[in-house]
Structures are given as C-alpha cells and as structure tokens.
Amino acid sequence: MATLKQDSTLKHQANLGMEVEEVTFTAGEEITLLKEWSDYYLVKNDAGQMFNIPKDQVRS
C-alpha cells in the first residue's frame, strides 16, 4: 500500500477502443502498488482500476 501526497486526476481506459475516463484521487488516499519503473508506479485503486502515477506523487 502507498499514500498519495497530493490531489491527482489520472486517466483510465478500461479497454482499447473505450473512452478515456478521468478519475480524481484525494491527497492521503491509499492505493495498491503493483509494479515499479524508474519514474512511475503501476497502482490499483479500490475499484480495481489501474493507473501509472509518477513516483513523486506517492508516499510508500
């Protein structure tokens, strides 16, 4: 688990060909870390949606 440092709006696309949805997160919200890259994490919210988020926006 990790915590967001600031309010963030991330883009989510459930499947190719579907519209991109913007999902707003509140500072302090907990998310699940799934994978780490050099500058980003792959995270999942409670609804099961996955997002790439810059590491500087996350407190792990």
N, C-alpha and C. Protein backbone atom coordinates (compact mmCIF):
# COMPACT_ATOMS: atom_id res chain seq x y z
N MET A 1 0.85 -1.19 0.00
CA MET A 1 0.00 0.00 0.00
C MET A 1 0.89 1.25 0.00
N ALA A 2 0.34 2.30 -0.56
CA ALA A 2 1.01 3.59 -0.59
C ALA A 2 -0.05 4.67 -0.42
N THR A 3 0.40 5.88 -0.14
CA THR A 3 -0.49 7.02 0.07
C THR A 3 -0.15 8.13 -0.91
N LEU A 4 -1.18 8.76 -1.46
CA LEU A 4 -0.95 9.89 -2.38
C LEU A 4 -0.57 11.14 -1.60
N LYS A 5 0.42 11.85 -2.07
CA LYS A 5 0.88 13.08 -1.43
C LYS A 5 -0.01 14.27 -1.74
N GLN A 6 -0.68 14.26 -2.90
CA GLN A 6 -1.45 15.42 -3.33
C GLN A 6 -2.67 14.97 -4.12
N ASP A 7 -3.64 15.86 -4.27
CA ASP A 7 -4.79 15.55 -5.12
C ASP A 7 -4.28 15.29 -6.54
N SER A 8 -4.85 14.30 -7.20
CA SER A 8 -4.41 13.95 -8.55
C SER A 8 -5.60 13.53 -9.39
N THR A 9 -5.56 13.85 -10.67
CA THR A 9 -6.54 13.35 -11.63
C THR A 9 -5.77 12.51 -12.64
N LEU A 10 -6.14 11.23 -12.71
CA LEU A 10 -5.44 10.29 -13.58
C LEU A 10 -6.39 9.78 -14.64
N LYS A 11 -5.84 9.39 -15.76
CA LYS A 11 -6.65 8.89 -16.87
C LYS A 11 -6.68 7.37 -16.84
N HIS A 12 -7.88 6.82 -17.07
CA HIS A 12 -8.07 5.37 -17.07
C HIS A 12 -8.83 4.97 -18.32
N GLN A 13 -8.35 3.93 -18.98
CA GLN A 13 -9.04 3.38 -20.15
C GLN A 13 -9.20 1.89 -19.90
N ALA A 14 -10.44 1.46 -19.68
CA ALA A 14 -10.71 0.07 -19.32
C ALA A 14 -10.26 -0.90 -20.41
N ASN A 15 -10.55 -0.59 -21.65
CA ASN A 15 -10.18 -1.44 -22.78
C ASN A 15 -9.89 -0.56 -23.98
N LEU A 16 -9.06 -1.07 -24.87
CA LEU A 16 -8.78 -0.32 -26.10
C LEU A 16 -10.09 -0.07 -26.83
N GLY A 17 -10.22 1.10 -27.37
CA GLY A 17 -11.44 1.45 -28.09
C GLY A 17 -12.49 2.10 -27.21
N MET A 18 -12.32 2.02 -25.90
CA MET A 18 -13.27 2.66 -24.98
C MET A 18 -12.76 4.07 -24.66
N GLU A 19 -13.67 4.93 -24.27
CA GLU A 19 -13.29 6.29 -23.93
C GLU A 19 -12.39 6.33 -22.70
N VAL A 20 -11.52 7.31 -22.68
CA VAL A 20 -10.64 7.52 -21.53
C VAL A 20 -11.45 8.23 -20.45
N GLU A 21 -11.39 7.71 -19.25
CA GLU A 21 -12.11 8.29 -18.10
C GLU A 21 -11.10 8.97 -17.19
N GLU A 22 -11.43 10.14 -16.69
CA GLU A 22 -10.58 10.82 -15.71
C GLU A 22 -11.10 10.49 -14.32
N VAL A 23 -10.20 10.01 -13.46
CA VAL A 23 -10.55 9.62 -12.10
C VAL A 23 -9.78 10.52 -11.15
N THR A 24 -10.47 11.15 -10.21
CA THR A 24 -9.85 12.06 -9.26
C THR A 24 -9.56 11.35 -7.95
N PHE A 25 -8.36 11.54 -7.44
CA PHE A 25 -7.93 10.99 -6.17
C PHE A 25 -7.66 12.12 -5.20
N THR A 26 -7.88 11.88 -3.93
CA THR A 26 -7.66 12.88 -2.90
C THR A 26 -6.34 12.60 -2.18
N ALA A 27 -5.63 13.67 -1.81
CA ALA A 27 -4.41 13.51 -1.04
C ALA A 27 -4.69 12.67 0.19
N GLY A 28 -3.79 11.74 0.49
CA GLY A 28 -3.95 10.86 1.64
C GLY A 28 -4.65 9.55 1.31
N GLU A 29 -5.22 9.46 0.10
CA GLU A 29 -5.91 8.23 -0.31
C GLU A 29 -4.90 7.10 -0.48
N GLU A 30 -5.26 5.91 -0.03
CA GLU A 30 -4.38 4.75 -0.16
C GLU A 30 -4.64 4.02 -1.47
N ILE A 31 -3.55 3.57 -2.09
CA ILE A 31 -3.60 2.82 -3.33
C ILE A 31 -2.67 1.62 -3.19
N THR A 32 -2.87 0.62 -4.03
CA THR A 32 -2.04 -0.58 -4.00
C THR A 32 -0.98 -0.48 -5.09
N LEU A 33 0.29 -0.63 -4.70
CA LEU A 33 1.39 -0.63 -5.66
C LEU A 33 1.49 -2.00 -6.29
N LEU A 34 1.53 -2.05 -7.63
CA LEU A 34 1.63 -3.32 -8.34
C LEU A 34 3.00 -3.54 -8.97
N LYS A 35 3.58 -2.46 -9.51
CA LYS A 35 4.86 -2.57 -10.21
C LYS A 35 5.58 -1.24 -10.15
N GLU A 36 6.90 -1.30 -10.17
CA GLU A 36 7.72 -0.09 -10.10
C GLU A 36 8.61 0.01 -11.33
N TRP A 37 8.62 1.20 -11.95
CA TRP A 37 9.55 1.52 -13.02
C TRP A 37 10.45 2.63 -12.50
N SER A 38 11.33 3.14 -13.33
CA SER A 38 12.28 4.15 -12.86
C SER A 38 11.60 5.43 -12.38
N ASP A 39 10.56 5.90 -13.07
CA ASP A 39 9.91 7.16 -12.70
C ASP A 39 8.45 7.02 -12.29
N TYR A 40 7.87 5.84 -12.50
CA TYR A 40 6.43 5.64 -12.28
C TYR A 40 6.16 4.37 -11.48
N TYR A 41 4.98 4.35 -10.87
CA TYR A 41 4.43 3.12 -10.29
C TYR A 41 3.18 2.75 -11.08
N LEU A 42 2.93 1.46 -11.20
CA LEU A 42 1.63 0.98 -11.64
C LEU A 42 0.85 0.73 -10.36
N VAL A 43 -0.31 1.38 -10.23
CA VAL A 43 -1.09 1.28 -9.00
C VAL A 43 -2.52 0.85 -9.32
N LYS A 44 -3.22 0.37 -8.29
CA LYS A 44 -4.62 -0.04 -8.43
C LYS A 44 -5.41 0.60 -7.30
N ASN A 45 -6.60 1.12 -7.64
CA ASN A 45 -7.46 1.69 -6.60
C ASN A 45 -8.44 0.62 -6.10
N ASP A 46 -9.28 0.99 -5.15
CA ASP A 46 -10.23 0.03 -4.57
C ASP A 46 -11.24 -0.50 -5.59
N ALA A 47 -11.49 0.25 -6.66
CA ALA A 47 -12.44 -0.18 -7.70
C ALA A 47 -11.79 -1.13 -8.70
N GLY A 48 -10.48 -1.40 -8.53
CA GLY A 48 -9.79 -2.31 -9.44
C GLY A 48 -9.23 -1.65 -10.68
N GLN A 49 -9.33 -0.32 -10.78
CA GLN A 49 -8.79 0.39 -11.94
C GLN A 49 -7.28 0.56 -11.75
N MET A 50 -6.53 0.44 -12.85
CA MET A 50 -5.08 0.57 -12.78
C MET A 50 -4.62 1.85 -13.47
N PHE A 51 -3.58 2.44 -12.90
CA PHE A 51 -3.05 3.72 -13.37
C PHE A 51 -1.53 3.72 -13.26
N ASN A 52 -0.88 4.50 -14.13
CA ASN A 52 0.54 4.83 -13.96
C ASN A 52 0.58 6.18 -13.28
N ILE A 53 1.35 6.28 -12.20
CA ILE A 53 1.43 7.54 -11.46
C ILE A 53 2.90 7.84 -11.18
N PRO A 54 3.32 9.11 -11.37
CA PRO A 54 4.72 9.48 -11.09
C PRO A 54 5.09 9.19 -9.64
N LYS A 55 6.29 8.71 -9.43
CA LYS A 55 6.75 8.35 -8.09
C LYS A 55 6.70 9.53 -7.12
N ASP A 56 6.93 10.76 -7.63
CA ASP A 56 6.96 11.91 -6.72
C ASP A 56 5.58 12.27 -6.16
N GLN A 57 4.51 11.63 -6.64
CA GLN A 57 3.17 11.87 -6.12
C GLN A 57 2.75 10.83 -5.08
N VAL A 58 3.65 9.88 -4.80
CA VAL A 58 3.30 8.75 -3.93
C VAL A 58 4.26 8.68 -2.75
N ARG A 59 3.70 8.41 -1.59
CA ARG A 59 4.50 8.17 -0.38
C ARG A 59 4.32 6.69 -0.06
N SER A 60 5.38 5.93 -0.21
CA SER A 60 5.25 4.48 0.01
C SER A 60 5.75 4.08 1.40
